[in-house]
Amino acid sequence: MDSIKELSVVSVPDLWKRRAEIFSSDRADLKGIGVDSAGVAFLVRWAKSLGSGRKLMLEHPSADLVRLIGIFRVGSLFELKETR
């Protein structure tokens, strides 16, 4: 996720083409990455691709992302690591 600046309606279609590579990891460092609802949907698909009982580790999630995860009630799919 190093070169990714945002997970948004604009960037997700291109990221979707690279999903096999991206989804091979069980963690995403989101430091400085903006996320909208399309980005949350991408993260949900990623988390579901990991299989039963596994969670996607989200490092450095923004406050906005944490709020969206709560609004969409998908928190059970993620482990949030909020390092300061």
Protein backbone atom coordinates (compact mmCIF):
# COMPACT_ATOMS: atom_id res chain seq x y z
CA MET A 1 0.00 0.00 0.00
CA ASP A 2 3.08 2.19 -0.08
CA SER A 3 2.26 4.02 -3.30
CA ILE A 4 -1.47 4.35 -2.59
CA LYS A 5 -2.61 7.82 -1.54
CA GLU A 6 -6.33 7.10 -1.19
CA LEU A 7 -8.92 4.36 -1.21
CA SER A 8 -11.73 6.14 -2.99
CA VAL A 9 -14.26 5.84 -5.76
CA VAL A 10 -11.52 7.16 -8.07
CA SER A 11 -8.73 4.75 -7.07
CA VAL A 12 -10.60 1.54 -6.22
CA PRO A 13 -11.23 0.42 -9.84
CA ASP A 14 -7.48 0.39 -10.53
CA LEU A 15 -6.75 -1.27 -7.19
CA TRP A 16 -9.35 -3.93 -7.95
CA LYS A 17 -7.25 -5.00 -10.95
CA ARG A 18 -4.34 -5.59 -8.51
CA ARG A 19 -6.42 -7.31 -5.85
CA ALA A 20 -4.62 -10.68 -6.08
CA GLU A 21 -1.38 -8.95 -5.12
CA ILE A 22 -2.95 -6.65 -2.52
CA PHE A 23 -5.16 -9.31 -0.91
CA SER A 24 -2.16 -11.62 -0.37
CA SER A 25 -1.42 -9.70 2.85
CA ASP A 26 -3.42 -9.72 6.07
CA ARG A 27 -2.55 -6.14 7.00
CA ALA A 28 -2.88 -2.68 5.53
CA ASP A 29 -0.89 0.34 6.67
CA LEU A 30 -3.26 3.24 6.07
CA LYS A 31 -1.07 6.01 7.44
CA GLY A 32 -1.92 9.15 5.49
CA ILE A 33 -4.40 7.34 3.22
CA GLY A 34 -7.86 8.84 2.80
CA VAL A 35 -10.73 6.36 2.65
CA ASP A 36 -14.31 6.92 1.45
CA SER A 37 -17.21 4.46 1.28
CA ALA A 38 -15.81 2.81 -1.87
CA GLY A 39 -12.56 2.31 0.00
CA VAL A 40 -14.41 0.70 2.91
CA ALA A 41 -16.09 -1.67 0.43
CA PHE A 42 -12.64 -2.56 -0.93
CA LEU A 43 -11.35 -3.23 2.59
CA VAL A 44 -14.41 -5.38 3.34
CA ARG A 45 -13.77 -7.52 0.23
CA TRP A 46 -10.12 -7.80 1.24
CA ALA A 47 -11.05 -8.89 4.77
CA LYS A 48 -13.55 -11.45 3.48
CA SER A 49 -10.92 -12.87 1.12
CA LEU A 50 -8.80 -13.88 4.13
CA GLY A 51 -11.20 -16.63 5.12
CA SER A 52 -13.24 -17.56 8.12
CA GLY A 53 -12.13 -16.31 11.48
CA ARG A 54 -9.32 -14.12 10.17
CA LYS A 55 -9.35 -10.35 10.44
CA LEU A 56 -7.66 -7.73 8.31
CA MET A 57 -5.25 -5.66 10.43
CA LEU A 58 -5.70 -1.97 9.69
CA GLU A 59 -2.71 0.03 10.89
CA HIS A 60 -3.04 3.79 11.38
CA PRO A 61 -6.74 4.04 10.48
CA SER A 62 -7.98 7.62 10.31
CA ALA A 63 -10.77 8.78 12.60
CA ASP A 64 -13.00 9.07 9.51
CA LEU A 65 -12.33 5.45 8.57
CA VAL A 66 -13.08 4.26 12.09
CA ARG A 67 -16.39 6.17 11.94
CA LEU A 68 -17.28 4.64 8.55
CA ILE A 69 -16.50 1.14 9.83
CA GLY A 70 -18.90 1.81 12.71
CA ILE A 71 -21.60 3.27 10.48
CA PHE A 72 -21.45 0.29 8.11
CA ARG A 73 -21.22 -2.17 11.04
CA VAL A 74 -18.28 -4.09 9.60
CA GLY A 75 -15.97 -3.79 12.60
CA SER A 76 -15.93 -7.54 13.18
CA LEU A 77 -13.90 -7.94 9.97
CA PHE A 78 -11.02 -5.78 11.16
CA GLU A 79 -8.44 -5.44 13.86
CA LEU A 80 -7.51 -1.79 14.31
CA LYS A 81 -3.98 -0.89 15.32
CA GLU A 82 -3.90 2.77 16.20
CA THR A 83 -0.25 3.50 16.84
CA ARG A 84 0.62 6.99 17.86
